[in-house]
Amino acid sequence: MQSDEIYLEALFQNLTNLPIQLKNVNLESNDFEVSSLNFMQNDSSEKWIFGQVNRLNTMESRQYLFMLKPKEEARINPALIKAITTIGKLDIVWLSGIGEKGHIQTSQLERTVCF
């Protein structure tokens, strides 16, 4: 790594028979400060970069990007950064085409540290 930043790309595909509207796509981490790169940077209303409505039609795919930086206590000790193997959990909330709410949270995502 040139810096202590990690970039995570998550690819979602709608395999249902109806469009879905993604309401929330977050990465929750205990060891990293997470910045979502999925919103307009110069807008105070937090608009998705995908448009006002974050809709995925049937069979449509979309990439979500996150930038992670180790929390302050790990940044002062490079050995701690190398010891962190868990990144966090993706938390996704959506509405189906008929208005049903869906929610899923992944188990801990892991990374391999290359020396």
PDB file of N, CA and C in Angstrom:
ATOM      1  N   MET A   1       0.833  -1.187   0.000  1.00  0.00           N
ATOM      2  CA  MET A   1       0.000   0.000   0.000  1.00  0.00           C
ATOM      3  C   MET A   1       0.870   1.239   0.000  1.00  0.00           C
ATOM      4  N   GLN A   2       0.533   2.185  -0.856  1.00  0.00           N
ATOM      5  CA  GLN A   2       1.213   3.460  -0.863  1.00  0.00           C
ATOM      6  C   GLN A   2       0.741   4.330   0.294  1.00  0.00           C
ATOM      7  N   SER A   3      -0.511   4.176   0.671  1.00  0.00           N
ATOM      8  CA  SER A   3      -1.066   4.925   1.794  1.00  0.00           C
ATOM      9  C   SER A   3      -1.870   3.951   2.642  1.00  0.00           C
ATOM     10  N   ASP A   4      -2.493   4.476   3.679  1.00  0.00           N
ATOM     11  CA  ASP A   4      -3.282   3.593   4.535  1.00  0.00           C
ATOM     12  C   ASP A   4      -4.751   3.519   4.098  1.00  0.00           C
ATOM     13  N   GLU A   5      -5.075   4.062   2.919  1.00  0.00           N
ATOM     14  CA  GLU A   5      -6.442   4.010   2.411  1.00  0.00           C
ATOM     15  C   GLU A   5      -6.718   2.677   1.735  1.00  0.00           C
ATOM     16  N   ILE A   6      -7.942   2.192   1.922  1.00  0.00           N
ATOM     17  CA  ILE A   6      -8.403   0.983   1.254  1.00  0.00           C
ATOM     18  C   ILE A   6      -9.670   1.356   0.506  1.00  0.00           C
ATOM     19  N   TYR A   7      -9.785   0.907  -0.728  1.00  0.00           N
ATOM     20  CA  TYR A   7     -10.990   1.147  -1.503  1.00  0.00           C
ATOM     21  C   TYR A   7     -11.724  -0.175  -1.671  1.00  0.00           C
ATOM     22  N   LEU A   8     -13.010  -0.154  -1.364  1.00  0.00           N
ATOM     23  CA  LEU A   8     -13.841  -1.351  -1.468  1.00  0.00           C
ATOM     24  C   LEU A   8     -14.913  -1.098  -2.513  1.00  0.00           C
ATOM     25  N   GLU A   9     -15.042  -2.032  -3.435  1.00  0.00           N
ATOM     26  CA  GLU A   9     -16.079  -1.976  -4.461  1.00  0.00           C
ATOM     27  C   GLU A   9     -17.045  -3.124  -4.205  1.00  0.00           C
ATOM     28  N   ALA A  10     -18.324  -2.798  -4.132  1.00  0.00           N
ATOM     29  CA  ALA A  10     -19.368  -3.814  -3.958  1.00  0.00           C
ATOM     30  C   ALA A  10     -20.277  -3.749  -5.183  1.00  0.00           C
ATOM     31  N   LEU A  11     -20.489  -4.891  -5.813  1.00  0.00           N
ATOM     32  CA  LEU A  11     -21.320  -4.969  -7.004  1.00  0.00           C
ATOM     33  C   LEU A  11     -22.646  -5.617  -6.641  1.00  0.00           C
ATOM     34  N   PHE A  12     -23.751  -4.926  -6.951  1.00  0.00           N
ATOM     35  CA  PHE A  12     -25.087  -5.446  -6.691  1.00  0.00           C
ATOM     36  C   PHE A  12     -25.790  -5.671  -8.020  1.00  0.00           C
ATOM     37  N   GLN A  13     -26.572  -6.744  -8.087  1.00  0.00           N
ATOM     38  CA  GLN A  13     -27.387  -7.015  -9.267  1.00  0.00           C
ATOM     39  C   GLN A  13     -28.795  -7.383  -8.820  1.00  0.00           C
ATOM     40  N   ASN A  14     -29.788  -6.811  -9.471  1.00  0.00           N
ATOM     41  CA  ASN A  14     -31.180  -7.108  -9.166  1.00  0.00           C
ATOM     42  C   ASN A  14     -31.597  -8.349  -9.945  1.00  0.00           C
ATOM     43  N   LEU A  15     -31.749  -9.463  -9.265  1.00  0.00           N
ATOM     44  CA  LEU A  15     -32.143 -10.713  -9.895  1.00  0.00           C
ATOM     45  C   LEU A  15     -33.635 -11.005  -9.726  1.00  0.00           C
ATOM     46  N   THR A  16     -34.380 -10.037  -9.180  1.00  0.00           N
ATOM     47  CA  THR A  16     -35.823 -10.236  -9.002  1.00  0.00           C
ATOM     48  C   THR A  16     -36.548  -9.900 -10.302  1.00  0.00           C
ATOM     49  N   ASN A  17     -37.849 -10.188 -10.329  1.00  0.00           N
ATOM     50  CA  ASN A  17     -38.660  -9.919 -11.516  1.00  0.00           C
ATOM     51  C   ASN A  17     -39.201  -8.497 -11.556  1.00  0.00           C
ATOM     52  N   LEU A  18     -38.951  -7.724 -10.485  1.00  0.00           N
ATOM     53  CA  LEU A  18     -39.447  -6.351 -10.398  1.00  0.00           C
ATOM     54  C   LEU A  18     -38.287  -5.405 -10.110  1.00  0.00           C
ATOM     55  N   PRO A  19     -38.433  -4.128 -10.471  1.00  0.00           N
ATOM     56  CA  PRO A  19     -37.402  -3.155 -10.083  1.00  0.00           C
ATOM     57  C   PRO A  19     -37.354  -3.015  -8.569  1.00  0.00           C
ATOM     58  N   ILE A  20     -36.213  -2.625  -8.045  1.00  0.00           N
ATOM     59  CA  ILE A  20     -36.084  -2.331  -6.620  1.00  0.00           C
ATOM     60  C   ILE A  20     -35.487  -0.940  -6.464  1.00  0.00           C
ATOM     61  N   GLN A  21     -35.777  -0.328  -5.324  1.00  0.00           N
ATOM     62  CA  GLN A  21     -35.208   0.976  -5.005  1.00  0.00           C
ATOM     63  C   GLN A  21     -34.314   0.798  -3.785  1.00  0.00           C
ATOM     64  N   LEU A  22     -33.028   1.038  -3.969  1.00  0.00           N
ATOM     65  CA  LEU A  22     -32.092   0.930  -2.848  1.00  0.00           C
ATOM     66  C   LEU A  22     -32.204   2.197  -2.005  1.00  0.00           C
ATOM     67  N   LYS A  23     -32.566   2.027  -0.746  1.00  0.00           N
ATOM     68  CA  LYS A  23     -32.742   3.151   0.168  1.00  0.00           C
ATOM     69  C   LYS A  23     -31.471   3.445   0.946  1.00  0.00           C
ATOM     70  N   ASN A  24     -30.698   2.390   1.224  1.00  0.00           N
ATOM     71  CA  ASN A  24     -29.538   2.543   2.090  1.00  0.00           C
ATOM     72  C   ASN A  24     -28.498   1.487   1.722  1.00  0.00           C
ATOM     73  N   VAL A  25     -27.288   1.917   1.446  1.00  0.00           N
ATOM     74  CA  VAL A  25     -26.165   1.009   1.205  1.00  0.00           C
ATOM     75  C   VAL A  25     -25.000   1.555   2.027  1.00  0.00           C
ATOM     76  N   ASN A  26     -24.725   0.918   3.158  1.00  0.00           N
ATOM     77  CA  ASN A  26     -23.682   1.386   4.070  1.00  0.00           C
ATOM     78  C   ASN A  26     -22.676   0.287   4.344  1.00  0.00           C
ATOM     79  N   LEU A  27     -21.487   0.706   4.696  1.00  0.00           N
ATOM     80  CA  LEU A  27     -20.460  -0.203   5.188  1.00  0.00           C
ATOM     81  C   LEU A  27     -20.185   0.201   6.630  1.00  0.00           C
ATOM     82  N   GLU A  28     -20.374  -0.742   7.548  1.00  0.00           N
ATOM     83  CA  GLU A  28     -20.160  -0.482   8.975  1.00  0.00           C
ATOM     84  C   GLU A  28     -18.882  -1.185   9.399  1.00  0.00           C
ATOM     85  N   SER A  29     -17.982  -0.443  10.041  1.00  0.00           N
ATOM     86  CA  SER A  29     -16.696  -1.011  10.427  1.00  0.00           C
ATOM     87  C   SER A  29     -16.305  -0.576  11.826  1.00  0.00           C
ATOM     88  N   ASN A  30     -15.689  -1.495  12.569  1.00  0.00           N
ATOM     89  CA  ASN A  30     -15.169  -1.168  13.895  1.00  0.00           C
ATOM     90  C   ASN A  30     -13.753  -0.615  13.832  1.00  0.00           C
ATOM     91  N   ASP A  31     -13.018  -0.964  12.789  1.00  0.00           N
ATOM     92  CA  ASP A  31     -11.596  -0.621  12.718  1.00  0.00           C
ATOM     93  C   ASP A  31     -11.266   0.497  11.743  1.00  0.00           C
ATOM     94  N   PHE A  32     -12.216   0.863  10.891  1.00  0.00           N
ATOM     95  CA  PHE A  32     -11.947   1.860   9.853  1.00  0.00           C
ATOM     96  C   PHE A  32     -12.977   2.981   9.893  1.00  0.00           C
ATOM     97  N   GLU A  33     -12.529   4.173   9.495  1.00  0.00           N
ATOM     98  CA  GLU A  33     -13.436   5.274   9.208  1.00  0.00           C
ATOM     99  C   GLU A  33     -13.876   5.083   7.766  1.00  0.00           C
ATOM    100  N   VAL A  34     -15.174   5.023   7.528  1.00  0.00           N
ATOM    101  CA  VAL A  34     -15.699   4.708   6.206  1.00  0.00           C
ATOM    102  C   VAL A  34     -16.289   5.955   5.560  1.00  0.00           C
ATOM    103  N   SER A  35     -15.886   6.204   4.319  1.00  0.00           N
ATOM    104  CA  SER A  35     -16.477   7.281   3.517  1.00  0.00           C
ATOM    105  C   SER A  35     -17.158   6.641   2.313  1.00  0.00           C
ATOM    106  N   SER A  36     -18.442   6.919   2.156  1.00  0.00           N
ATOM    107  CA  SER A  36     -19.164   6.425   0.988  1.00  0.00           C
ATOM    108  C   SER A  36     -18.859   7.344  -0.184  1.00  0.00           C
ATOM    109  N   LEU A  37     -18.507   6.774  -1.317  1.00  0.00           N
ATOM    110  CA  LEU A  37     -18.237   7.549  -2.524  1.00  0.00           C
ATOM    111  C   LEU A  37     -19.431   7.479  -3.477  1.00  0.00           C
ATOM    112  N   ASN A  38     -20.606   7.257  -2.929  1.00  0.00           N
ATOM    113  CA  ASN A  38     -21.813   7.050  -3.728  1.00  0.00           C
ATOM    114  C   ASN A  38     -22.759   8.240  -3.720  1.00  0.00           C
ATOM    115  N   PHE A  39     -22.310   9.357  -3.178  1.00  0.00           N
ATOM    116  CA  PHE A  39     -23.136  10.552  -3.091  1.00  0.00           C
ATOM    117  C   PHE A  39     -22.414  11.729  -3.730  1.00  0.00           C
ATOM    118  N   MET A  40     -23.183  12.711  -4.168  1.00  0.00           N
ATOM    119  CA  MET A  40     -22.606  13.933  -4.730  1.00  0.00           C
ATOM    120  C   MET A  40     -21.820  14.628  -3.631  1.00  0.00           C
ATOM    121  N   GLN A  41     -20.592  14.996  -3.902  1.00  0.00           N
ATOM    122  CA  GLN A  41     -19.718  15.587  -2.891  1.00  0.00           C
ATOM    123  C   GLN A  41     -20.068  17.030  -2.561  1.00  0.00           C
ATOM    124  N   ASN A  42     -20.535  17.803  -3.527  1.00  0.00           N
ATOM    125  CA  ASN A  42     -20.786  19.232  -3.308  1.00  0.00           C
ATOM    126  C   ASN A  42     -22.255  19.536  -3.063  1.00  0.00           C
ATOM    127  N   ASP A  43     -22.975  18.582  -2.532  1.00  0.00           N
ATOM    128  CA  ASP A  43     -24.415  18.768  -2.333  1.00  0.00           C
ATOM    129  C   ASP A  43     -24.760  18.443  -0.888  1.00  0.00           C
ATOM    130  N   SER A  44     -25.410  19.371  -0.210  1.00  0.00           N
ATOM    131  CA  SER A  44     -25.727  19.180   1.201  1.00  0.00           C
ATOM    132  C   SER A  44     -26.897  18.219   1.420  1.00  0.00           C
ATOM    133  N   SER A  45     -27.643  17.897   0.351  1.00  0.00           N
ATOM    134  CA  SER A  45     -28.818  17.045   0.516  1.00  0.00           C
ATOM    135  C   SER A  45     -28.493  15.551   0.353  1.00  0.00           C
ATOM    136  N   GLU A  46     -27.253  15.197   0.184  1.00  0.00           N
ATOM    137  CA  GLU A  46     -26.810  13.812   0.035  1.00  0.00           C
ATOM    138  C   GLU A  46     -27.574  13.080  -1.062  1.00  0.00           C
ATOM    139  N   LYS A  47     -27.451  13.537  -2.285  1.00  0.00           N
ATOM    140  CA  LYS A  47     -28.086  12.875  -3.412  1.00  0.00           C
ATOM    141  C   LYS A  47     -27.174  11.762  -3.929  1.00  0.00           C
ATOM    142  N   TRP A  48     -27.784  10.630  -4.261  1.00  0.00           N
ATOM    143  CA  TRP A  48     -27.037   9.523  -4.856  1.00  0.00           C
ATOM    144  C   TRP A  48     -26.415   9.984  -6.173  1.00  0.00           C
ATOM    145  N   ILE A  49     -25.259   9.484  -6.512  1.00  0.00           N
ATOM    146  CA  ILE A  49     -24.667   9.808  -7.809  1.00  0.00           C
ATOM    147  C   ILE A  49     -25.424   9.128  -8.941  1.00  0.00           C
ATOM    148  N   PHE A  50     -26.298   8.185  -8.598  1.00  0.00           N
ATOM    149  CA  PHE A  50     -27.059   7.439  -9.587  1.00  0.00           C
ATOM    150  C   PHE A  50     -28.343   8.158  -9.991  1.00  0.00           C
ATOM    151  N   GLY A  51     -28.656   9.249  -9.340  1.00  0.00           N
ATOM    152  CA  GLY A  51     -29.888   9.982  -9.616  1.00  0.00           C
ATOM    153  C   GLY A  51     -30.700  10.153  -8.352  1.00  0.00           C
ATOM    154  N   GLN A  52     -31.794  10.881  -8.467  1.00  0.00           N
ATOM    155  CA  GLN A  52     -32.625  11.168  -7.301  1.00  0.00           C
ATOM    156  C   GLN A  52     -33.191   9.892  -6.681  1.00  0.00           C
ATOM    157  N   VAL A  53     -33.588   8.943  -7.522  1.00  0.00           N
ATOM    158  CA  VAL A  53     -34.094   7.656  -7.049  1.00  0.00           C
ATOM    159  C   VAL A  53     -33.063   6.602  -7.410  1.00  0.00           C
ATOM    160  N   ASN A  54     -32.617   5.866  -6.423  1.00  0.00           N
ATOM    161  CA  ASN A  54     -31.584   4.847  -6.626  1.00  0.00           C
ATOM    162  C   ASN A  54     -32.272   3.532  -6.995  1.00  0.00           C
ATOM    163  N   ARG A  55     -32.684   3.423  -8.239  1.00  0.00           N
ATOM    164  CA  ARG A  55     -33.498   2.308  -8.718  1.00  0.00           C
ATOM    165  C   ARG A  55     -32.667   1.355  -9.571  1.00  0.00           C
ATOM    166  N   LEU A  56     -32.863   0.071  -9.320  1.00  0.00           N
ATOM    167  CA  LEU A  56     -32.245  -0.964 -10.148  1.00  0.00           C
ATOM    168  C   LEU A  56     -33.352  -1.754 -10.825  1.00  0.00           C
ATOM    169  N   ASN A  57     -33.357  -1.749 -12.139  1.00  0.00           N
ATOM    170  CA  ASN A  57     -34.319  -2.543 -12.888  1.00  0.00           C
ATOM    171  C   ASN A  57     -33.898  -4.006 -12.847  1.00  0.00           C
ATOM    172  N   THR A  58     -34.774  -4.888 -13.306  1.00  0.00           N
ATOM    173  CA  THR A  58     -34.492  -6.312 -13.348  1.00  0.00           C
ATOM    174  C   THR A  58     -33.208  -6.565 -14.141  1.00  0.00           C
ATOM    175  N   MET A  59     -32.324  -7.365 -13.578  1.00  0.00           N
ATOM    176  CA  MET A  59     -31.043  -7.775 -14.161  1.00  0.00           C
ATOM    177  C   MET A  59     -30.018  -6.632 -14.260  1.00  0.00           C
ATOM    178  N   GLU A  60     -30.329  -5.465 -13.757  1.00  0.00           N
ATOM    179  CA  GLU A  60     -29.391  -4.341 -13.783  1.00  0.00           C
ATOM    180  C   GLU A  60     -28.373  -4.501 -12.655  1.00  0.00           C
ATOM    181  N   SER A  61     -27.134  -4.087 -12.918  1.00  0.00           N
ATOM    182  CA  SER A  61     -26.052  -4.143 -11.927  1.00  0.00           C
ATOM    183  C   SER A  61     -25.561  -2.738 -11.637  1.00  0.00           C
ATOM    184  N   ARG A  62     -25.010  -2.571 -10.461  1.00  0.00           N
ATOM    185  CA  ARG A  62     -24.457  -1.280 -10.073  1.00  0.00           C
ATOM    186  C   ARG A  62     -23.325  -1.491  -9.083  1.00  0.00           C
ATOM    187  N   GLN A  63     -22.303  -0.632  -9.176  1.00  0.00           N
ATOM    188  CA  GLN A  63     -21.158  -0.694  -8.264  1.00  0.00           C
ATOM    189  C   GLN A  63     -21.284   0.398  -7.214  1.00  0.00           C
ATOM    190  N   TYR A  64     -20.952   0.046  -5.990  1.00  0.00           N
ATOM    191  CA  TYR A  64     -20.906   0.989  -4.880  1.00  0.00           C
ATOM    192  C   TYR A  64     -19.480   1.019  -4.362  1.00  0.00           C
ATOM    193  N   LEU A  65     -18.992   2.217  -4.091  1.00  0.00           N
ATOM    194  CA  LEU A  65     -17.600   2.382  -3.689  1.00  0.00           C
ATOM    195  C   LEU A  65     -17.501   2.998  -2.297  1.00  0.00           C
ATOM    196  N   PHE A  66     -16.526   2.520  -1.549  1.00  0.00           N
ATOM    197  CA  PHE A  66     -16.265   3.015  -0.199  1.00  0.00           C
ATOM    198  C   PHE A  66     -14.762   3.203  -0.024  1.00  0.00           C
ATOM    199  N   MET A  67     -14.396   4.258   0.682  1.00  0.00           N
ATOM    200  CA  MET A  67     -12.995   4.481   1.034  1.00  0.00           C
ATOM    201  C   MET A  67     -12.862   4.274   2.540  1.00  0.00           C
ATOM    202  N   LEU A  68     -11.896   3.470   2.930  1.00  0.00           N
ATOM    203  CA  LEU A  68     -11.685   3.174   4.339  1.00  0.00           C
ATOM    204  C   LEU A  68     -10.305   3.673   4.764  1.00  0.00           C
ATOM    205  N   LYS A  69     -10.256   4.285   5.926  1.00  0.00           N
ATOM    206  CA  LYS A  69      -8.997   4.696   6.543  1.00  0.00           C
ATOM    207  C   LYS A  69      -8.966   4.120   7.948  1.00  0.00           C
ATOM    208  N   PRO A  70      -7.839   3.572   8.364  1.00  0.00           N
ATOM    209  CA  PRO A  70      -7.773   3.043   9.733  1.00  0.00           C
ATOM    210  C   PRO A  70      -8.086   4.145  10.744  1.00  0.00           C
ATOM    211  N   LYS A  71      -8.728   3.764  11.821  1.00  0.00           N
ATOM    212  CA  LYS A  71      -9.025   4.734  12.879  1.00  0.00           C
ATOM    213  C   LYS A  71      -7.720   5.236  13.484  1.00  0.00           C
ATOM    214  N   GLU A  72      -7.804   6.355  14.149  1.00  0.00           N
ATOM    215  CA  GLU A  72      -6.623   7.079  14.658  1.00  0.00           C
ATOM    216  C   GLU A  72      -5.682   6.194  15.464  1.00  0.00           C
ATOM    217  N   GLU A  73      -6.218   5.349  16.347  1.00  0.00           N
ATOM    218  CA  GLU A  73      -5.356   4.521  17.197  1.00  0.00           C
ATOM    219  C   GLU A  73      -4.520   3.534  16.383  1.00  0.00           C
ATOM    220  N   ALA A  74      -5.039   3.095  15.237  1.00  0.00           N
ATOM    221  CA  ALA A  74      -4.276   2.175  14.390  1.00  0.00           C
ATOM    222  C   ALA A  74      -3.270   2.926  13.518  1.00  0.00           C
ATOM    223  N   ARG A  75      -3.576   4.175  13.155  1.00  0.00           N
ATOM    224  CA  ARG A  75      -2.680   4.946  12.285  1.00  0.00           C
ATOM    225  C   ARG A  75      -1.335   5.247  12.944  1.00  0.00           C
ATOM    226  N   ILE A  76      -1.310   5.343  14.267  1.00  0.00           N
ATOM    227  CA  ILE A  76      -0.051   5.670  14.930  1.00  0.00           C
ATOM    228  C   ILE A  76       0.876   4.463  15.040  1.00  0.00           C
ATOM    229  N   ASN A  77       0.336   3.281  14.769  1.00  0.00           N
ATOM    230  CA  ASN A  77       1.144   2.064  14.841  1.00  0.00           C
ATOM    231  C   ASN A  77       0.914   1.221  13.583  1.00  0.00           C
ATOM    232  N   PRO A  78       1.830   1.279  12.607  1.00  0.00           N
ATOM    233  CA  PRO A  78       1.663   0.544  11.355  1.00  0.00           C
ATOM    234  C   PRO A  78       1.480  -0.969  11.544  1.00  0.00           C
ATOM    235  N   ALA A  79       2.013  -1.529  12.608  1.00  0.00           N
ATOM    236  CA  ALA A  79       1.842  -2.962  12.859  1.00  0.00           C
ATOM    237  C   ALA A  79       0.375  -3.286  13.138  1.00  0.00           C
ATOM    238  N   LEU A  80      -0.336  -2.359  13.774  1.00  0.00           N
ATOM    239  CA  LEU A  80      -1.763  -2.569  14.025  1.00  0.00           C
ATOM    240  C   LEU A  80      -2.559  -2.597  12.721  1.00  0.00           C
ATOM    241  N   ILE A  81      -2.200  -1.730  11.781  1.00  0.00           N
ATOM    242  CA  ILE A  81      -2.901  -1.688  10.498  1.00  0.00           C
ATOM    243  C   ILE A  81      -2.754  -3.026   9.788  1.00  0.00           C
ATOM    244  N   LYS A  82      -1.556  -3.577   9.792  1.00  0.00           N
ATOM    245  CA  LYS A  82      -1.336  -4.860   9.123  1.00  0.00           C
ATOM    246  C   LYS A  82      -2.061  -6.000   9.816  1.00  0.00           C
ATOM    247  N   ALA A  83      -2.343  -5.855  11.095  1.00  0.00           N
ATOM    248  CA  ALA A  83      -3.014  -6.914  11.850  1.00  0.00           C
ATOM    249  C   ALA A  83      -4.527  -6.920  11.640  1.00  0.00           C
ATOM    250  N   ILE A  84      -5.075  -5.830  11.116  1.00  0.00           N
ATOM    251  CA  ILE A  84      -6.522  -5.762  10.902  1.00  0.00           C
ATOM    252  C   ILE A  84      -6.887  -6.580   9.670  1.00  0.00           C
ATOM    253  N   THR A  85      -7.678  -7.605   9.859  1.00  0.00           N
ATOM    254  CA  THR A  85      -8.079  -8.449   8.725  1.00  0.00           C
ATOM    255  C   THR A  85      -9.557  -8.320   8.389  1.00  0.00           C
ATOM    256  N   THR A  86     -10.360  -7.776   9.297  1.00  0.00           N
ATOM    257  CA  THR A  86     -11.779  -7.584   8.995  1.00  0.00           C
ATOM    258  C   THR A  86     -12.022  -6.149   8.571  1.00  0.00           C
ATOM    259  N   ILE A  87     -12.810  -5.994   7.527  1.00  0.00           N
ATOM    260  CA  ILE A  87     -13.113  -4.665   6.998  1.00  0.00           C
ATOM    261  C   ILE A  87     -14.397  -4.121   7.603  1.00  0.00           C
ATOM    262  N   GLY A  88     -15.439  -4.928   7.607  1.00  0.00           N
ATOM    263  CA  GLY A  88     -16.725  -4.480   8.122  1.00  0.00           C
ATOM    264  C   GLY A  88     -17.854  -5.258   7.492  1.00  0.00           C
ATOM    265  N   LYS A  89     -19.079  -4.766   7.698  1.00  0.00           N
ATOM    266  CA  LYS A  89     -20.280  -5.425   7.185  1.00  0.00           C
ATOM    267  C   LYS A  89     -21.026  -4.467   6.265  1.00  0.00           C
ATOM    268  N   LEU A  90     -21.497  -4.990   5.153  1.00  0.00           N
ATOM    269  CA  LEU A  90     -22.371  -4.213   4.285  1.00  0.00           C
ATOM    270  C   LEU A  90     -23.792  -4.316   4.811  1.00  0.00           C
ATOM    271  N   ASP A  91     -24.478  -3.179   4.864  1.00  0.00           N
ATOM    272  CA  ASP A  91     -25.853  -3.115   5.327  1.00  0.00           C
ATOM    273  C   ASP A  91     -26.681  -2.492   4.201  1.00  0.00           C
ATOM    274  N   ILE A  92     -27.667  -3.245   3.686  1.00  0.00           N
ATOM    275  CA  ILE A  92     -28.420  -2.817   2.523  1.00  0.00           C
ATOM    276  C   ILE A  92     -29.919  -2.868   2.834  1.00  0.00           C
ATOM    277  N   VAL A  93     -30.609  -1.772   2.517  1.00  0.00           N
ATOM    278  CA  VAL A  93     -32.058  -1.689   2.693  1.00  0.00           C
ATOM    279  C   VAL A  93     -32.646  -1.280   1.347  1.00  0.00           C
ATOM    280  N   TRP A  94     -33.759  -1.950   0.937  1.00  0.00           N
ATOM    281  CA  TRP A  94     -34.387  -1.640  -0.333  1.00  0.00           C
ATOM    282  C   TRP A  94     -35.897  -1.766  -0.227  1.00  0.00           C
ATOM    283  N   LEU A  95     -36.565  -1.224  -1.231  1.00  0.00           N
ATOM    284  CA  LEU A  95     -38.004  -1.410  -1.404  1.00  0.00           C
ATOM    285  C   LEU A  95     -38.213  -2.148  -2.714  1.00  0.00           C
ATOM    286  N   SER A  96     -39.071  -3.165  -2.686  1.00  0.00           N
ATOM    287  CA  SER A  96     -39.366  -3.901  -3.913  1.00  0.00           C
ATOM    288  C   SER A  96     -40.331  -3.099  -4.768  1.00  0.00           C
ATOM    289  N   GLY A  97     -40.574  -3.582  -5.971  1.00  0.00           N
ATOM    290  CA  GLY A  97     -41.480  -2.910  -6.893  1.00  0.00           C
ATOM    291  C   GLY A  97     -42.899  -2.827  -6.373  1.00  0.00           C
ATOM    292  N   ILE A  98     -43.265  -3.677  -5.405  1.00  0.00           N
ATOM    293  CA  ILE A  98     -44.614  -3.627  -4.839  1.00  0.00           C
ATOM    294  C   ILE A  98     -44.624  -3.017  -3.438  1.00  0.00           C
ATOM    295  N   GLY A  99     -43.499  -2.395  -3.060  1.00  0.00           N
ATOM    296  CA  GLY A  99     -43.439  -1.660  -1.804  1.00  0.00           C
ATOM    297  C   GLY A  99     -42.981  -2.440  -0.588  1.00  0.00           C
ATOM    298  N   GLU A 100     -42.629  -3.713  -0.749  1.00  0.00           N
ATOM    299  CA  GLU A 100     -42.131  -4.485   0.391  1.00  0.00           C
ATOM    300  C   GLU A 100     -40.707  -4.063   0.725  1.00  0.00           C
ATOM    301  N   LYS A 101     -40.438  -3.942   2.017  1.00  0.00           N
ATOM    302  CA  LYS A 101     -39.106  -3.553   2.476  1.00  0.00           C
ATOM    303  C   LYS A 101     -38.226  -4.793   2.609  1.00  0.00           C
ATOM    304  N   GLY A 102     -36.982  -4.669   2.156  1.00  0.00           N
ATOM    305  CA  GLY A 102     -36.006  -5.735   2.310  1.00  0.00           C
ATOM    306  C   GLY A 102     -34.783  -5.206   3.027  1.00  0.00           C
ATOM    307  N   HIS A 103     -34.102  -6.059   3.757  1.00  0.00           N
ATOM    308  CA  HIS A 103     -32.920  -5.659   4.519  1.00  0.00           C
ATOM    309  C   HIS A 103     -31.980  -6.853   4.608  1.00  0.00           C
ATOM    310  N   ILE A 104     -30.716  -6.606   4.373  1.00  0.00           N
ATOM    311  CA  ILE A 104     -29.716  -7.657   4.520  1.00  0.00           C
ATOM    312  C   ILE A 104     -28.431  -7.036   5.059  1.00  0.00           C
ATOM    313  N   GLN A 105     -27.763  -7.785   5.896  1.00  0.00           N
ATOM    314  CA  GLN A 105     -26.452  -7.375   6.396  1.00  0.00           C
ATOM    315  C   GLN A 105     -25.520  -8.563   6.204  1.00  0.00           C
ATOM    316  N   THR A 106     -24.375  -8.310   5.591  1.00  0.00           N
ATOM    317  CA  THR A 106     -23.424  -9.394   5.354  1.00  0.00           C
ATOM    318  C   THR A 106     -22.699  -9.743   6.645  1.00  0.00           C
ATOM    319  N   SER A 107     -22.044 -10.880   6.660  1.00  0.00           N
ATOM    320  CA  SER A 107     -21.116 -11.165   7.747  1.00  0.00           C
ATOM    321  C   SER A 107     -19.859 -10.331   7.501  1.00  0.00           C
ATOM    322  N   GLN A 108     -18.909 -10.375   8.409  1.00  0.00           N
ATOM    323  CA  GLN A 108     -17.700  -9.553   8.301  1.00  0.00           C
ATOM    324  C   GLN A 108     -16.972  -9.845   6.980  1.00  0.00           C
ATOM    325  N   LEU A 109     -16.676  -8.788   6.249  1.00  0.00           N
ATOM    326  CA  LEU A 109     -15.843  -8.924   5.053  1.00  0.00           C
ATOM    327  C   LEU A 109     -14.398  -8.923   5.508  1.00  0.00           C
ATOM    328  N   GLU A 110     -13.594  -9.776   4.900  1.00  0.00           N
ATOM    329  CA  GLU A 110     -12.193  -9.892   5.305  1.00  0.00           C
ATOM    330  C   GLU A 110     -11.285  -9.468   4.170  1.00  0.00           C
ATOM    331  N   ARG A 111     -10.086  -9.119   4.540  1.00  0.00           N
ATOM    332  CA  ARG A 111      -9.071  -8.749   3.554  1.00  0.00           C
ATOM    333  C   ARG A 111      -7.820  -9.548   3.803  1.00  0.00           C
ATOM    334  N   THR A 112      -7.031  -9.693   2.768  1.00  0.00           N
ATOM    335  CA  THR A 112      -5.736 -10.342   2.896  1.00  0.00           C
ATOM    336  C   THR A 112      -4.675  -9.252   2.846  1.00  0.00           C
ATOM    337  N   VAL A 113      -3.772  -9.295   3.765  1.00  0.00           N
ATOM    338  CA  VAL A 113      -2.715  -8.283   3.830  1.00  0.00           C
ATOM    339  C   VAL A 113      -1.494  -8.834   3.129  1.00  0.00           C
ATOM    340  N   CYS A 114      -1.016  -8.107   2.110  1.00  0.00           N
ATOM    341  CA  CYS A 114       0.187  -8.505   1.380  1.00  0.00           C
ATOM    342  C   CYS A 114       1.383  -7.747   1.932  1.00  0.00           C
ATOM    343  N   PHE A 115       2.433  -8.442   2.150  1.00  0.00           N
ATOM    344  CA  PHE A 115       3.639  -7.787   2.685  1.00  0.00           C
ATOM    345  C   PHE A 115       4.665  -7.603   1.618  1.00  0.00           C
TER     346      PHE A 115
END
